[in-house]
């Protein structure tokens, strides 16, 4: 497989551990041929690539940072210049697949505008893994991203998602910054109807992964799962 002149969307593990346990061999082999990367966080990217054994010193790789702090007015055309010159460019997210709940989508759109071929590579997606394991509607679903931070706005948004789920029989999927997981959990239990199904999927692909689906009324009777500082995906399906 040639890697010349393309933007490759490269998956990263969802947690620590060997990339070989969750990233296909073909993806890792192609990754080792790339020397130019657009990344969400340079330090994390360097650590990941060090575990992959790139075959060259990490200092010989070129990194361009693209994250939520990158100004919308900043010209990022230079990030794609190697691809325009016939060299492969890799797009790396912090975890999982790039450009999904990830600022890298901006570079992907620019690649399409400039005629650079975009090639997504296989790897773990916490959103799809959670949906697969939830038992909820996998034919009709929506990803709502991050919910509002302010409690009152978050509760109002949860009511809207639950209403939409009931009307369309649609699984609603959303995520939260790990340190706010417990606040979101409390709001879900306090806001949603007892018969609404709720799945929480935490630390997916890790040894302590936890996935469980139950009605809100049942969750209210159970001990609160340990969600603090764990990457989680939340899914609801209203009756």
Protein backbone atom coordinates (compact mmCIF):
# COMPACT_ATOMS: atom_id res chain seq x y z
CA UNK A 1 0.00 0.00 0.00
CA UNK A 2 1.42 3.40 -0.96
CA UNK A 3 1.20 6.20 1.56
CA UNK A 4 2.30 9.08 -0.70
CA UNK A 5 0.43 12.38 -0.80
CA UNK A 6 -2.47 11.47 1.48
CA UNK A 7 -3.91 12.55 4.82
CA UNK A 8 -4.24 9.45 6.99
CA UNK A 9 -6.65 9.48 9.92
CA UNK A 10 -4.77 7.38 12.45
CA UNK A 11 -6.53 5.82 15.46
CA UNK A 12 -4.92 5.83 18.89
CA UNK A 13 -5.53 3.53 21.89
CA UNK A 14 -8.27 4.60 24.30
CA UNK A 15 -5.90 4.18 27.25
CA UNK A 16 -2.43 3.07 28.19
CA UNK A 17 -0.99 -0.25 27.16
CA UNK A 18 0.41 -1.76 23.99
CA UNK A 19 -1.04 -0.29 20.77
CA UNK A 20 -0.86 -3.77 19.23
CA UNK A 21 -3.74 -4.92 21.43
CA UNK A 22 -6.26 -2.54 19.82
CA UNK A 23 -4.70 -1.19 16.61
CA UNK A 24 -4.61 -3.49 13.54
CA UNK A 25 -1.18 -4.58 12.30
CA UNK A 26 -1.77 -3.03 8.87
CA UNK A 27 -2.56 0.34 10.44
CA UNK A 28 0.61 0.23 12.56
CA UNK A 29 2.73 -0.78 9.57
CA UNK A 30 1.46 2.19 7.57
CA UNK A 31 1.85 4.51 10.56
CA UNK A 32 5.58 3.67 10.69
CA UNK A 33 6.03 5.09 7.17
CA UNK A 34 4.76 8.57 8.12
CA UNK A 35 7.05 11.40 9.23
CA UNK A 36 4.68 14.40 9.34
CA UNK A 37 1.82 14.57 11.85
CA UNK A 38 -0.98 16.92 12.83
CA UNK A 39 -1.77 16.14 16.46
CA UNK A 40 -4.06 17.26 19.23
CA UNK A 41 -1.27 17.32 21.81
CA UNK A 42 2.41 16.90 20.90
CA UNK A 43 3.54 15.29 24.15
CA UNK A 44 0.82 12.63 24.01
CA UNK A 45 1.51 11.96 20.33
CA UNK A 46 5.23 11.52 20.95
CA UNK A 47 4.49 9.06 23.76
CA UNK A 48 2.14 7.03 21.54
CA UNK A 49 4.58 6.91 18.62
CA UNK A 50 7.39 5.89 20.95
CA UNK A 51 5.35 2.83 21.94
CA UNK A 52 4.73 2.03 18.28
CA UNK A 53 8.49 1.76 17.53
CA UNK A 54 8.59 4.02 14.49
CA UNK A 55 12.04 2.89 13.42
CA UNK A 56 13.43 6.45 13.62
CA UNK A 57 14.12 8.85 16.48
CA UNK A 58 10.97 10.68 17.56
CA UNK A 59 12.91 13.95 17.24
CA UNK A 60 13.14 13.29 13.50
CA UNK A 61 9.36 13.49 13.15
CA UNK A 62 7.54 16.75 12.39
CA UNK A 63 4.53 17.72 14.52
CA UNK A 64 1.86 20.36 13.95
CA UNK A 65 -0.53 20.98 16.84
CA UNK A 66 -4.26 21.33 16.18
CA UNK A 67 -6.65 21.42 19.13
CA UNK A 68 -9.47 23.41 20.72
CA UNK A 69 -7.02 26.24 21.45
CA UNK A 70 -6.04 26.68 17.80
CA UNK A 71 -7.67 29.95 16.67
CA UNK A 72 -10.33 29.53 14.00
CA UNK A 73 -8.60 32.31 12.08
CA UNK A 74 -5.22 30.54 12.05
CA UNK A 75 -4.09 29.37 8.62
CA UNK A 76 -3.31 25.64 8.91
CA UNK A 77 -2.55 25.11 5.22
CA UNK A 78 1.09 24.37 6.06
CA UNK A 79 -0.03 21.23 7.91
CA UNK A 80 -0.99 19.73 4.54
CA UNK A 81 2.01 20.96 2.56
CA UNK A 82 3.89 17.62 2.86
CA UNK A 83 0.88 15.86 1.31
CA UNK A 84 0.78 18.40 -1.50
CA UNK A 85 4.49 17.63 -2.01
CA UNK A 86 3.71 13.91 -2.32
CA UNK A 87 4.42 12.81 1.27
CA UNK A 88 1.99 11.19 3.72
CA UNK A 89 0.58 13.20 6.62
CA UNK A 90 -0.95 11.57 9.68
CA UNK A 91 -3.75 13.06 11.79
CA UNK A 92 -3.72 11.87 15.41
CA UNK A 93 -6.36 12.42 18.08
CA UNK A 94 -5.73 12.15 21.80
CA UNK A 95 -7.57 8.82 21.88
CA UNK A 96 -9.72 6.79 19.54
CA UNK A 97 -10.43 7.86 15.98
CA UNK A 98 -9.61 11.35 14.70
CA UNK A 99 -12.17 13.94 13.61
CA UNK A 100 -15.02 12.46 15.71
CA UNK A 101 -15.64 14.69 18.73
CA UNK A 102 -12.20 15.98 17.80
CA UNK A 103 -10.85 19.27 16.35
CA UNK A 104 -9.06 17.36 13.58
CA UNK A 105 -12.22 17.54 11.45
CA UNK A 106 -11.08 21.02 10.47
CA UNK A 107 -7.96 19.63 8.79
CA UNK A 108 -9.94 16.88 7.06
CA UNK A 109 -12.26 19.44 5.50
CA UNK A 110 -9.28 21.50 4.37
CA UNK A 111 -7.77 18.40 2.77
CA UNK A 112 -10.94 17.91 0.72
CA UNK A 113 -10.85 21.57 -0.33
CA UNK A 114 -7.23 21.25 -1.48
CA UNK A 115 -7.71 17.97 -3.28
CA UNK A 116 -5.66 15.89 -0.82
CA UNK A 117 -6.92 12.31 -0.59
CA UNK A 118 -8.24 11.40 2.86
CA UNK A 119 -7.79 7.84 4.09
CA UNK A 120 -9.39 6.74 7.41
CA UNK A 121 -7.65 3.81 9.12
CA UNK A 122 -9.24 1.18 11.32
CA UNK A 123 -9.06 1.47 15.11
CA UNK A 124 -11.10 1.81 18.31
CA UNK A 125 -13.99 4.26 18.54
CA UNK A 126 -15.36 4.58 22.07
CA UNK A 127 -18.68 5.82 20.68
CA UNK A 128 -19.28 2.81 18.44
CA UNK A 129 -17.89 0.34 20.98
CA UNK A 130 -20.28 1.70 23.60
CA UNK A 131 -23.23 1.52 21.21
CA UNK A 132 -22.33 -2.06 20.26
CA UNK A 133 -22.21 -3.12 23.90
CA UNK A 134 -25.28 -1.19 25.09
CA UNK A 135 -28.07 -3.31 23.63
CA UNK A 136 -29.83 -0.08 22.65
CA UNK A 137 -31.06 0.90 19.18
CA UNK A 138 -28.05 0.56 16.88
CA UNK A 139 -30.00 1.36 13.71
CA UNK A 140 -31.19 4.81 14.73
CA UNK A 141 -28.89 6.83 16.96
CA UNK A 142 -27.40 10.30 17.37
CA UNK A 143 -24.20 11.57 18.94
CA UNK A 144 -24.81 14.69 21.02
CA UNK A 145 -21.18 15.31 22.01
CA UNK A 146 -20.55 17.19 25.24
CA UNK A 147 -23.53 18.47 27.20
CA UNK A 148 -23.64 21.99 28.74
CA UNK A 149 -21.47 22.52 31.81
CA UNK A 150 -23.96 24.53 33.89
CA UNK A 151 -26.26 22.15 35.82
CA UNK A 152 -29.55 23.84 34.90
CA UNK A 153 -28.65 23.97 31.20
CA UNK A 154 -27.38 20.38 31.32
CA UNK A 155 -30.62 19.14 32.88
CA UNK A 156 -32.66 21.02 30.28
CA UNK A 157 -30.57 19.45 27.51
CA UNK A 158 -31.05 15.98 28.99
CA UNK A 159 -34.82 16.47 28.90
CA UNK A 160 -34.55 17.50 25.25
CA UNK A 161 -32.46 14.41 24.37
CA UNK A 162 -34.86 12.13 26.23
CA UNK A 163 -37.86 13.69 24.45
CA UNK A 164 -36.13 13.26 21.09
CA UNK A 165 -35.24 9.66 21.93
CA UNK A 166 -38.85 8.85 22.81
CA UNK A 167 -40.26 10.52 19.70
CA UNK A 168 -37.83 8.88 17.27
CA UNK A 169 -36.96 5.68 19.17
CA UNK A 170 -33.41 6.94 18.80
CA UNK A 171 -30.44 6.15 21.02
CA UNK A 172 -28.83 9.37 22.26
CA UNK A 173 -25.08 9.16 22.88
CA UNK A 174 -23.06 11.77 24.76
CA UNK A 175 -19.79 12.18 26.62
CA UNK A 176 -18.29 14.30 29.37
CA UNK A 177 -14.90 15.40 30.63
CA UNK A 178 -13.90 12.64 33.10
CA UNK A 179 -13.79 14.89 36.17
CA UNK A 180 -17.43 15.91 35.54
CA UNK A 181 -18.74 12.36 35.03
CA UNK A 182 -20.24 12.07 38.49
CA UNK A 183 -22.10 15.40 38.21
CA UNK A 184 -23.52 14.32 34.87
CA UNK A 185 -24.50 10.94 36.32
CA UNK A 186 -26.43 12.58 39.16
CA UNK A 187 -28.24 14.85 36.71
CA UNK A 188 -29.21 11.92 34.46
CA UNK A 189 -30.71 9.99 37.39
CA UNK A 190 -32.50 13.06 38.72
CA UNK A 191 -33.82 14.28 35.36
CA UNK A 192 -34.74 11.27 33.20
CA UNK A 193 -37.84 9.09 33.53
CA UNK A 194 -37.62 5.80 35.48
CA UNK A 195 -38.31 3.65 32.41
CA UNK A 196 -35.67 5.29 30.23
CA UNK A 197 -32.77 2.93 29.57
CA UNK A 198 -29.32 4.20 30.47
CA UNK A 199 -26.01 2.62 29.50
CA UNK A 200 -22.65 3.74 30.84
CA UNK A 201 -19.46 2.49 29.19
CA UNK A 202 -16.25 3.34 31.04
CA UNK A 203 -12.57 2.68 30.26
CA UNK A 204 -13.39 0.72 27.12
CA UNK A 205 -10.64 -1.67 25.88
CA UNK A 206 -8.93 -1.43 29.28
CA UNK A 207 -8.64 -4.28 31.84
CA UNK A 208 -11.15 -2.55 34.15
CA UNK A 209 -13.67 -1.73 31.42
CA UNK A 210 -17.25 -1.40 32.66
CA UNK A 211 -20.39 -1.51 30.47
CA UNK A 212 -23.86 -1.83 31.96
CA UNK A 213 -27.39 -1.01 30.77
CA UNK A 214 -30.43 -0.70 33.03
CA UNK A 215 -33.55 1.45 33.45
CA UNK A 216 -33.09 4.75 35.29
CA UNK A 217 -35.36 3.46 38.06
CA UNK A 218 -33.04 0.48 38.55
CA UNK A 219 -29.92 2.64 38.55
CA UNK A 220 -31.44 4.74 41.33
CA UNK A 221 -31.55 1.63 43.53
CA UNK A 222 -27.96 0.58 42.82
CA UNK A 223 -24.64 1.82 44.20
CA UNK A 224 -23.15 4.54 42.01
CA UNK A 225 -20.52 3.07 39.68
CA UNK A 226 -17.01 4.45 39.95
CA UNK A 227 -16.81 6.98 37.14
CA UNK A 228 -14.45 9.62 38.47
CA UNK A 229 -11.52 10.36 36.13
CA UNK A 230 -12.55 7.55 33.75
CA UNK A 231 -13.32 8.18 30.08
CA UNK A 232 -17.03 7.37 29.76
CA UNK A 233 -19.70 7.22 27.10
CA UNK A 234 -23.35 7.63 28.16
CA UNK A 235 -26.32 6.37 26.14
CA UNK A 236 -30.06 6.70 26.75
CA UNK A 237 -33.09 5.25 25.02
CA UNK A 238 -36.48 6.49 26.17
CA UNK A 239 -39.57 4.29 26.19
